[in-house]
Amino acid sequence: MALELLHPITADLRLARQLADIADAVSMEYFNSRDLGVYVKEDRTHVTDGDRAVEEAIRAKLAEERPSDSVYGEEFGTEGSSRRQWIIDPIDGTANFMRGVPIWATLISLVIDGRPEVGVVSAPALNRRWWGATGLGAYLDDDLADSDTATDRRIEVSAVSRLMDSQFSYGSLQYWLQNDNLAPIVECCETVWRSRAIGDFWPYMLVAEGSFDIACELDLEPYDMAALVPIVQEAGGTFTSIDGKEGPWHGSALATNGLMHDEVLEIFRRHARS
């Protein structure tokens, strides 16, 4: 009770973690299914029965617990109008999910007055869950299977301060090619110690854990990013778009340990098309 008086957001964080429990139970049932329904949306991206079922389950719980709050989800759009909005990506990494690759997660965020205040990223097939909330730090549970043991540990970004010593993730090369924006990625790859094309939520969580130092991607929606922001920031990192704008609203993401953020932004600015 004392913690909630000091940090009113704590009750929302507790609810977000409960939503993740619900989502994990639904998503794993579909992930293990032999007859998963897969469909192509109008934007040519895929959706599965699992995506829809997870979002429906989260929305049902929010309707009970926070009926006055707005909800914005990838599969069913926006419902309600409130300064408090829950942003949901039921399965981030649907392409992996439908092919049996365990790198996917449910992303849950509470945004208040346009600022992501709570973020939960739950990846049950990896047996990992991350969360963060403004003023409360960022944490990782890497043993979801053991509900009787507290396995949560606080996470922090790395102390790497030079690009030549850093690990860098750039998502799918295909998106950078399609957007005629490959030059900054090539320069980063030539400059850093090690680069990997890890996509979706995971490289941002690796930045928050201190395993990677830089992660970036193009062609993103707010539901791809909102839950990542509080976790990266509360771990001590910096999260902007690739042109330096704050928040998950600008179509791209750049997360770093903060020490090299301006330097990476400068690389993108140098190659920006006029």
Foldseek 3Di string as FASTA:
>chain_A
DVVCVVPVCVVVQVVQVVLQVQLVVLLVVLLPDPDWAWDADPVRDIDIPSQVVSVVSSVVVCCVVPVQEWEAEDPPGIDHDDLKYKYKRSWFPVVCSVVNNQPIWIWIFIHGNQATFKIKTDRVSQQKIKIFGVPPAIWMQNHNVDPPDDRIDGAAAAPDQFQQAFEEEEADPVVCVVVVNCQLVVVSCVRHNYYDHDDADPVLVCRLRHNGFKYKYFQDALSSPSNSQRSLVRNQKAKAALQRHDHSHDGMIMIGSHNCNVVSSVSSVVRDDD
